[in-house]
Amino acid sequence: MHELTVITITAASIGLFHTLLGPDHYLPFIVMSRAKKWSLVKTTYITALCGAGHVLSSVVLGIIGIALGISINKLGAVESFRGGIAAWLLITFGAGYLVWGVFMARKNRSHKHWHAHGDVSMPIHKHKHKHNEDQLHVHKGEKATNLTPWILFTIFVFGPCEPLIPLLIYPAAKNSAFGLVLVTGVFGVVTIMTMLSIVILLSLGANLLPMGRLERYTHVLAGATICLCGIAIRFLGL
């Protein structure tokens, strides 16, 4: 029990610092929430869903690998491969969203309209106008499908929790189902709660920032941030 207590405390500590030091655990949700104008409830739900997928994928892989007697080095190699896929998915999604954001920013820029009234005595005049996203509407019978949360979920399922599998070795070696559940549960809860805490606090702060003319570039900034997260993971090992 003493060893299991130490491992459980270690799992909580690693879950906390693993999340804090990995900006990909929270920045994508913060910038997408600001760009897509998600409510705090929706942001929290999406973050928790992606966090659960992130942790459970490594739990399932680790338990299957340990049950089949696969060495920890091989499991580590699989996790590293998954991490590479997740990084490239972030880069691709971020770059694509950035390009789409540029298109939307150009579409929503202010432009001038010339007006002529029916009365010929009235002069022709012009006024500034822009097509706001808030003015867009869905026609009756059409369904607006938002794939962004599911794309993020898929990316986070591929994203590995590298420190988790080594933590499972001791309770697995002792054939302790209770130990496996305890260690994975503590690691998962701490990871997800840390993600939620950072996302909620920073999202509330971001919503208070006056964007001004930068408002129409929020999609561009979101895409650039996600792309940079992927680059940092792939090439800087964050």
C-alpha atoms as a PDB file:
ATOM      1  CA  MET A   1       0.000   0.000   0.000  1.00  0.00           C
ATOM      2  CA  HIS A   2       2.904   2.344   0.718  1.00  0.00           C
ATOM      3  CA  GLU A   3       4.332   1.877  -2.781  1.00  0.00           C
ATOM      4  CA  LEU A   4       0.884   2.326  -4.343  1.00  0.00           C
ATOM      5  CA  THR A   5       0.394   5.547  -2.372  1.00  0.00           C
ATOM      6  CA  VAL A   6       3.706   6.883  -3.661  1.00  0.00           C
ATOM      7  CA  ILE A   7       2.823   5.957  -7.252  1.00  0.00           C
ATOM      8  CA  THR A   8      -0.622   7.566  -6.913  1.00  0.00           C
ATOM      9  CA  ILE A   9       0.890  10.825  -5.629  1.00  0.00           C
ATOM     10  CA  THR A  10       3.435  10.656  -8.454  1.00  0.00           C
ATOM     11  CA  ALA A  11       0.621  10.139 -10.969  1.00  0.00           C
ATOM     12  CA  ALA A  12      -1.192  13.235  -9.669  1.00  0.00           C
ATOM     13  CA  SER A  13       1.990  15.333  -9.813  1.00  0.00           C
ATOM     14  CA  ILE A  14       2.919  14.165 -13.311  1.00  0.00           C
ATOM     15  CA  GLY A  15      -0.645  14.692 -14.542  1.00  0.00           C
ATOM     16  CA  LEU A  16      -0.536  18.271 -13.255  1.00  0.00           C
ATOM     17  CA  PHE A  17       2.852  19.259 -14.668  1.00  0.00           C
ATOM     18  CA  HIS A  18       2.399  17.256 -17.888  1.00  0.00           C
ATOM     19  CA  THR A  19      -0.683  19.368 -18.592  1.00  0.00           C
ATOM     20  CA  LEU A  20       0.723  22.713 -17.440  1.00  0.00           C
ATOM     21  CA  LEU A  21       3.862  22.334 -19.557  1.00  0.00           C
ATOM     22  CA  GLY A  22       1.945  21.200 -22.661  1.00  0.00           C
ATOM     23  CA  PRO A  23       0.253  24.272 -24.204  1.00  0.00           C
ATOM     24  CA  ASP A  24      -1.482  21.974 -26.689  1.00  0.00           C
ATOM     25  CA  HIS A  25      -3.629  20.782 -23.764  1.00  0.00           C
ATOM     26  CA  TYR A  26      -5.404  24.127 -23.433  1.00  0.00           C
ATOM     27  CA  LEU A  27      -4.481  26.749 -26.065  1.00  0.00           C
ATOM     28  CA  PRO A  28      -6.543  25.169 -28.902  1.00  0.00           C
ATOM     29  CA  PHE A  29      -9.699  25.320 -26.772  1.00  0.00           C
ATOM     30  CA  ILE A  30      -9.091  28.893 -25.634  1.00  0.00           C
ATOM     31  CA  VAL A  31      -8.505  30.300 -29.122  1.00  0.00           C
ATOM     32  CA  MET A  32     -11.302  28.278 -30.729  1.00  0.00           C
ATOM     33  CA  SER A  33     -13.725  29.335 -28.003  1.00  0.00           C
ATOM     34  CA  ARG A  34     -12.864  32.994 -28.676  1.00  0.00           C
ATOM     35  CA  ALA A  35     -12.995  32.660 -32.452  1.00  0.00           C
ATOM     36  CA  LYS A  36     -16.191  30.564 -32.611  1.00  0.00           C
ATOM     37  CA  LYS A  37     -17.853  32.481 -29.747  1.00  0.00           C
ATOM     38  CA  TRP A  38     -18.577  29.287 -27.823  1.00  0.00           C
ATOM     39  CA  SER A  39     -20.375  29.641 -24.508  1.00  0.00           C
ATOM     40  CA  LEU A  40     -18.418  28.742 -21.390  1.00  0.00           C
ATOM     41  CA  VAL A  41     -20.568  25.617 -20.981  1.00  0.00           C
ATOM     42  CA  LYS A  42     -19.793  24.447 -24.527  1.00  0.00           C
ATOM     43  CA  THR A  43     -16.090  25.207 -24.113  1.00  0.00           C
ATOM     44  CA  THR A  44     -16.019  23.226 -20.859  1.00  0.00           C
ATOM     45  CA  TYR A  45     -17.859  20.283 -22.401  1.00  0.00           C
ATOM     46  CA  ILE A  46     -15.563  20.098 -25.453  1.00  0.00           C
ATOM     47  CA  THR A  47     -12.418  20.419 -23.310  1.00  0.00           C
ATOM     48  CA  ALA A  48     -13.559  17.652 -20.945  1.00  0.00           C
ATOM     49  CA  LEU A  49     -14.515  15.380 -23.859  1.00  0.00           C
ATOM     50  CA  CYS A  50     -11.147  15.835 -25.575  1.00  0.00           C
ATOM     51  CA  GLY A  51      -9.293  15.413 -22.282  1.00  0.00           C
ATOM     52  CA  ALA A  52     -11.104  12.135 -21.614  1.00  0.00           C
ATOM     53  CA  GLY A  53     -10.258  10.856 -25.095  1.00  0.00           C
ATOM     54  CA  HIS A  54      -6.635  11.935 -24.613  1.00  0.00           C
ATOM     55  CA  VAL A  55      -6.251   9.981 -21.361  1.00  0.00           C
ATOM     56  CA  LEU A  56      -8.365   6.923 -22.189  1.00  0.00           C
ATOM     57  CA  SER A  57      -6.552   6.198 -25.455  1.00  0.00           C
ATOM     58  CA  SER A  58      -3.265   5.821 -23.556  1.00  0.00           C
ATOM     59  CA  VAL A  59      -4.963   3.809 -20.789  1.00  0.00           C
ATOM     60  CA  VAL A  60      -6.396   1.325 -23.293  1.00  0.00           C
ATOM     61  CA  LEU A  61      -3.086   1.057 -25.165  1.00  0.00           C
ATOM     62  CA  GLY A  62      -1.130   0.593 -21.941  1.00  0.00           C
ATOM     63  CA  ILE A  63      -3.423  -2.081 -20.503  1.00  0.00           C
ATOM     64  CA  ILE A  64      -3.533  -4.031 -23.780  1.00  0.00           C
ATOM     65  CA  GLY A  65       0.234  -3.779 -24.166  1.00  0.00           C
ATOM     66  CA  ILE A  66       0.918  -4.914 -20.602  1.00  0.00           C
ATOM     67  CA  ALA A  67      -1.594  -7.777 -20.913  1.00  0.00           C
ATOM     68  CA  LEU A  68       0.149  -8.993 -24.079  1.00  0.00           C
ATOM     69  CA  GLY A  69       3.570  -8.700 -22.497  1.00  0.00           C
ATOM     70  CA  ILE A  70       4.792  -5.969 -24.823  1.00  0.00           C
ATOM     71  CA  SER A  71       7.897  -4.249 -23.480  1.00  0.00           C
ATOM     72  CA  ILE A  72       7.677  -0.690 -22.207  1.00  0.00           C
ATOM     73  CA  ASN A  73      10.184   0.400 -24.869  1.00  0.00           C
ATOM     74  CA  LYS A  74       7.886  -0.818 -27.645  1.00  0.00           C
ATOM     75  CA  LEU A  75       4.884   0.832 -26.016  1.00  0.00           C
ATOM     76  CA  GLY A  76       6.914   4.020 -25.774  1.00  0.00           C
ATOM     77  CA  ALA A  77       7.689   3.791 -29.487  1.00  0.00           C
ATOM     78  CA  VAL A  78       3.982   3.411 -30.269  1.00  0.00           C
ATOM     79  CA  GLU A  79       3.178   6.434 -28.092  1.00  0.00           C
ATOM     80  CA  SER A  80       5.886   8.442 -29.840  1.00  0.00           C
ATOM     81  CA  PHE A  81       4.422   7.487 -33.240  1.00  0.00           C
ATOM     82  CA  ARG A  82       0.947   8.532 -32.076  1.00  0.00           C
ATOM     83  CA  GLY A  83       2.411  11.796 -30.823  1.00  0.00           C
ATOM     84  CA  GLY A  84       3.871  12.478 -34.262  1.00  0.00           C
ATOM     85  CA  ILE A  85       0.504  11.876 -35.909  1.00  0.00           C
ATOM     86  CA  ALA A  86      -1.237  14.190 -33.395  1.00  0.00           C
ATOM     87  CA  ALA A  87       1.353  16.923 -34.008  1.00  0.00           C
ATOM     88  CA  TRP A  88       0.896  16.777 -37.787  1.00  0.00           C
ATOM     89  CA  LEU A  89      -2.881  16.768 -37.365  1.00  0.00           C
ATOM     90  CA  LEU A  90      -2.617  19.934 -35.259  1.00  0.00           C
ATOM     91  CA  ILE A  91      -0.345  21.564 -37.830  1.00  0.00           C
ATOM     92  CA  THR A  92      -2.653  20.617 -40.700  1.00  0.00           C
ATOM     93  CA  PHE A  93      -5.830  21.675 -38.928  1.00  0.00           C
ATOM     94  CA  GLY A  94      -4.271  24.926 -37.724  1.00  0.00           C
ATOM     95  CA  ALA A  95      -2.906  25.825 -41.154  1.00  0.00           C
ATOM     96  CA  GLY A  96      -6.209  25.009 -42.847  1.00  0.00           C
ATOM     97  CA  TYR A  97      -8.161  27.023 -40.295  1.00  0.00           C
ATOM     98  CA  LEU A  98      -5.735  29.924 -40.707  1.00  0.00           C
ATOM     99  CA  VAL A  99      -6.324  29.984 -44.465  1.00  0.00           C
ATOM    100  CA  TRP A 100     -10.081  29.842 -43.936  1.00  0.00           C
ATOM    101  CA  GLY A 101      -9.732  32.663 -41.390  1.00  0.00           C
ATOM    102  CA  VAL A 102      -7.929  34.840 -43.932  1.00  0.00           C
ATOM    103  CA  PHE A 103     -10.770  34.236 -46.398  1.00  0.00           C
ATOM    104  CA  MET A 104     -13.360  35.174 -43.766  1.00  0.00           C
ATOM    105  CA  ALA A 105     -11.414  38.266 -42.737  1.00  0.00           C
ATOM    106  CA  ARG A 106     -11.294  39.474 -46.335  1.00  0.00           C
ATOM    107  CA  LYS A 107     -14.981  38.715 -46.769  1.00  0.00           C
ATOM    108  CA  ASN A 108     -15.924  40.644 -43.630  1.00  0.00           C
ATOM    109  CA  ARG A 109     -13.766  43.700 -44.261  1.00  0.00           C
ATOM    110  CA  SER A 110     -15.473  47.072 -44.496  1.00  0.00           C
ATOM    111  CA  HIS A 111     -16.300  48.235 -48.002  1.00  0.00           C
ATOM    112  CA  LYS A 112     -18.335  50.995 -49.604  1.00  0.00           C
ATOM    113  CA  HIS A 113     -21.744  50.809 -51.212  1.00  0.00           C
ATOM    114  CA  TRP A 114     -23.076  53.468 -53.600  1.00  0.00           C
ATOM    115  CA  HIS A 115     -26.739  54.322 -53.045  1.00  0.00           C
ATOM    116  CA  ALA A 116     -29.179  55.879 -55.520  1.00  0.00           C
ATOM    117  CA  HIS A 117     -32.708  56.718 -54.339  1.00  0.00           C
ATOM    118  CA  GLY A 118     -35.795  56.625 -56.569  1.00  0.00           C
ATOM    119  CA  ASP A 119     -36.172  60.371 -56.273  1.00  0.00           C
ATOM    120  CA  VAL A 120     -33.871  61.914 -58.884  1.00  0.00           C
ATOM    121  CA  SER A 121     -33.660  65.062 -56.783  1.00  0.00           C
ATOM    122  CA  MET A 122     -31.845  63.107 -54.065  1.00  0.00           C
ATOM    123  CA  PRO A 123     -28.063  62.890 -54.577  1.00  0.00           C
ATOM    124  CA  ILE A 124     -26.217  59.603 -54.957  1.00  0.00           C
ATOM    125  CA  HIS A 125     -24.315  58.827 -51.769  1.00  0.00           C
ATOM    126  CA  LYS A 126     -22.140  56.082 -50.331  1.00  0.00           C
ATOM    127  CA  HIS A 127     -21.743  54.397 -46.949  1.00  0.00           C
ATOM    128  CA  LYS A 128     -19.414  51.876 -45.348  1.00  0.00           C
ATOM    129  CA  HIS A 129     -20.728  48.381 -44.810  1.00  0.00           C
ATOM    130  CA  LYS A 130     -19.438  44.958 -43.885  1.00  0.00           C
ATOM    131  CA  HIS A 131     -20.934  41.481 -43.930  1.00  0.00           C
ATOM    132  CA  ASN A 132     -20.721  40.364 -40.347  1.00  0.00           C
ATOM    133  CA  GLU A 133     -20.647  36.688 -39.386  1.00  0.00           C
ATOM    134  CA  ASP A 134     -23.415  37.439 -36.902  1.00  0.00           C
ATOM    135  CA  GLN A 135     -25.660  38.374 -39.832  1.00  0.00           C
ATOM    136  CA  LEU A 136     -25.253  34.999 -41.480  1.00  0.00           C
ATOM    137  CA  HIS A 137     -28.214  32.698 -41.035  1.00  0.00           C
ATOM    138  CA  VAL A 138     -29.234  29.193 -41.874  1.00  0.00           C
ATOM    139  CA  HIS A 139     -32.099  28.895 -44.307  1.00  0.00           C
ATOM    140  CA  LYS A 140     -35.118  26.869 -43.286  1.00  0.00           C
ATOM    141  CA  GLY A 141     -34.570  23.174 -43.821  1.00  0.00           C
ATOM    142  CA  GLU A 142     -30.775  23.455 -43.833  1.00  0.00           C
ATOM    143  CA  LYS A 143     -28.576  22.095 -41.093  1.00  0.00           C
ATOM    144  CA  ALA A 144     -25.352  23.780 -40.013  1.00  0.00           C
ATOM    145  CA  THR A 145     -22.792  21.117 -39.149  1.00  0.00           C
ATOM    146  CA  ASN A 146     -19.867  22.112 -36.954  1.00  0.00           C
ATOM    147  CA  LEU A 147     -17.040  19.611 -37.232  1.00  0.00           C
ATOM    148  CA  THR A 148     -14.475  21.578 -35.227  1.00  0.00           C
ATOM    149  CA  PRO A 149     -15.141  19.869 -31.848  1.00  0.00           C
ATOM    150  CA  TRP A 150     -14.906  16.415 -33.455  1.00  0.00           C
ATOM    151  CA  ILE A 151     -11.681  17.323 -35.242  1.00  0.00           C
ATOM    152  CA  LEU A 152     -10.194  18.419 -31.916  1.00  0.00           C
ATOM    153  CA  PHE A 153     -11.452  15.216 -30.280  1.00  0.00           C
ATOM    154  CA  THR A 154      -9.813  13.065 -32.977  1.00  0.00           C
ATOM    155  CA  ILE A 155      -6.517  14.927 -32.580  1.00  0.00           C
ATOM    156  CA  PHE A 156      -6.579  14.470 -28.798  1.00  0.00           C
ATOM    157  CA  VAL A 157      -7.364  10.763 -29.084  1.00  0.00           C
ATOM    158  CA  PHE A 158      -4.167  10.400 -31.138  1.00  0.00           C
ATOM    159  CA  GLY A 159      -2.275  12.583 -28.654  1.00  0.00           C
ATOM    160  CA  PRO A 160      -0.516  10.285 -26.162  1.00  0.00           C
ATOM    161  CA  CYS A 161      -0.074  10.653 -22.378  1.00  0.00           C
ATOM    162  CA  GLU A 162       3.531   9.449 -22.433  1.00  0.00           C
ATOM    163  CA  PRO A 163       4.088   9.425 -18.643  1.00  0.00           C
ATOM    164  CA  LEU A 164       1.007   7.294 -17.939  1.00  0.00           C
ATOM    165  CA  ILE A 165       2.130   3.886 -19.236  1.00  0.00           C
ATOM    166  CA  PRO A 166       5.243   3.633 -17.012  1.00  0.00           C
ATOM    167  CA  LEU A 167       3.013   4.423 -14.017  1.00  0.00           C
ATOM    168  CA  LEU A 168       0.875   1.384 -14.824  1.00  0.00           C
ATOM    169  CA  ILE A 169       3.784  -1.092 -14.679  1.00  0.00           C
ATOM    170  CA  TYR A 170       3.901  -1.511 -10.879  1.00  0.00           C
ATOM    171  CA  PRO A 171       0.176  -2.178 -10.228  1.00  0.00           C
ATOM    172  CA  ALA A 172       0.103  -4.424 -13.319  1.00  0.00           C
ATOM    173  CA  ALA A 173       3.098  -6.408 -12.065  1.00  0.00           C
ATOM    174  CA  LYS A 174       1.335  -6.849  -8.709  1.00  0.00           C
ATOM    175  CA  ASN A 175      -1.864  -7.977 -10.501  1.00  0.00           C
ATOM    176  CA  SER A 176      -3.690  -5.204  -8.674  1.00  0.00           C
ATOM    177  CA  ALA A 177      -6.834  -4.160 -10.560  1.00  0.00           C
ATOM    178  CA  PHE A 178      -7.523  -1.663  -7.778  1.00  0.00           C
ATOM    179  CA  GLY A 179      -4.068  -0.152  -8.274  1.00  0.00           C
ATOM    180  CA  LEU A 180      -4.568   0.170 -12.040  1.00  0.00           C
ATOM    181  CA  VAL A 181      -7.924   1.879 -11.588  1.00  0.00           C
ATOM    182  CA  LEU A 182      -6.573   4.160  -8.853  1.00  0.00           C
ATOM    183  CA  VAL A 183      -3.460   5.297 -10.737  1.00  0.00           C
ATOM    184  CA  THR A 184      -5.233   5.852 -14.063  1.00  0.00           C
ATOM    185  CA  GLY A 185      -8.192   7.510 -12.330  1.00  0.00           C
ATOM    186  CA  VAL A 186      -6.023   9.966 -10.398  1.00  0.00           C
ATOM    187  CA  PHE A 187      -3.883  10.747 -13.424  1.00  0.00           C
ATOM    188  CA  GLY A 188      -6.947  11.246 -15.631  1.00  0.00           C
ATOM    189  CA  VAL A 189      -8.898  13.386 -13.159  1.00  0.00           C
ATOM    190  CA  VAL A 190      -5.919  15.644 -12.412  1.00  0.00           C
ATOM    191  CA  THR A 191      -5.125  16.014 -16.130  1.00  0.00           C
ATOM    192  CA  ILE A 192      -8.690  16.889 -17.128  1.00  0.00           C
ATOM    193  CA  MET A 193      -9.281  19.187 -14.139  1.00  0.00           C
ATOM    194  CA  THR A 194      -6.049  21.045 -14.888  1.00  0.00           C
ATOM    195  CA  MET A 195      -7.083  21.439 -18.523  1.00  0.00           C
ATOM    196  CA  LEU A 196     -10.508  22.730 -17.483  1.00  0.00           C
ATOM    197  CA  SER A 197      -9.113  25.151 -14.904  1.00  0.00           C
ATOM    198  CA  ILE A 198      -6.683  26.742 -17.354  1.00  0.00           C
ATOM    199  CA  VAL A 199      -9.173  26.843 -20.233  1.00  0.00           C
ATOM    200  CA  ILE A 200     -11.977  28.370 -18.145  1.00  0.00           C
ATOM    201  CA  LEU A 201      -9.779  31.006 -16.499  1.00  0.00           C
ATOM    202  CA  LEU A 202      -7.984  32.066 -19.677  1.00  0.00           C
ATOM    203  CA  SER A 203     -11.183  31.977 -21.750  1.00  0.00           C
ATOM    204  CA  LEU A 204     -12.865  34.337 -19.295  1.00  0.00           C
ATOM    205  CA  GLY A 205      -9.834  36.612 -19.512  1.00  0.00           C
ATOM    206  CA  ALA A 206      -9.682  36.439 -23.314  1.00  0.00           C
ATOM    207  CA  ASN A 207     -13.351  37.406 -23.604  1.00  0.00           C
ATOM    208  CA  LEU A 208     -12.623  40.611 -21.679  1.00  0.00           C
ATOM    209  CA  LEU A 209      -9.878  41.713 -24.071  1.00  0.00           C
ATOM    210  CA  PRO A 210     -10.971  44.514 -26.421  1.00  0.00           C
ATOM    211  CA  MET A 211     -10.114  43.217 -29.890  1.00  0.00           C
ATOM    212  CA  GLY A 212     -11.254  46.260 -31.860  1.00  0.00           C
ATOM    213  CA  ARG A 213     -10.202  45.951 -35.487  1.00  0.00           C
ATOM    214  CA  LEU A 214      -8.540  42.609 -34.738  1.00  0.00           C
ATOM    215  CA  GLU A 215     -11.960  41.043 -34.108  1.00  0.00           C
ATOM    216  CA  ARG A 216     -12.318  39.893 -37.709  1.00  0.00           C
ATOM    217  CA  TYR A 217      -8.908  38.208 -37.503  1.00  0.00           C
ATOM    218  CA  THR A 218      -9.792  35.948 -34.553  1.00  0.00           C
ATOM    219  CA  HIS A 219     -10.051  32.896 -36.856  1.00  0.00           C
ATOM    220  CA  VAL A 220      -6.622  33.702 -38.320  1.00  0.00           C
ATOM    221  CA  LEU A 221      -5.117  34.019 -34.835  1.00  0.00           C
ATOM    222  CA  ALA A 222      -6.785  30.782 -33.722  1.00  0.00           C
ATOM    223  CA  GLY A 223      -5.454  28.852 -36.711  1.00  0.00           C
ATOM    224  CA  ALA A 224      -1.951  30.279 -36.268  1.00  0.00           C
ATOM    225  CA  THR A 225      -1.930  29.391 -32.556  1.00  0.00           C
ATOM    226  CA  ILE A 226      -3.022  25.787 -33.178  1.00  0.00           C
ATOM    227  CA  CYS A 227      -0.507  25.402 -35.986  1.00  0.00           C
ATOM    228  CA  LEU A 228       2.303  26.725 -33.754  1.00  0.00           C
ATOM    229  CA  CYS A 229       1.259  24.269 -31.005  1.00  0.00           C
ATOM    230  CA  GLY A 230       1.662  21.419 -33.474  1.00  0.00           C
ATOM    231  CA  ILE A 231       5.056  22.737 -34.617  1.00  0.00           C
ATOM    232  CA  ALA A 232       6.210  23.055 -30.989  1.00  0.00           C
ATOM    233  CA  ILE A 233       5.207  19.438 -30.295  1.00  0.00           C
ATOM    234  CA  ARG A 234       6.716  18.041 -33.485  1.00  0.00           C
ATOM    235  CA  PHE A 235       9.989  19.939 -33.587  1.00  0.00           C
ATOM    236  CA  LEU A 236      10.599  21.196 -30.017  1.00  0.00           C
ATOM    237  CA  GLY A 237       9.352  18.125 -28.164  1.00  0.00           C
ATOM    238  CA  LEU A 238       6.862  19.979 -25.944  1.00  0.00           C
END
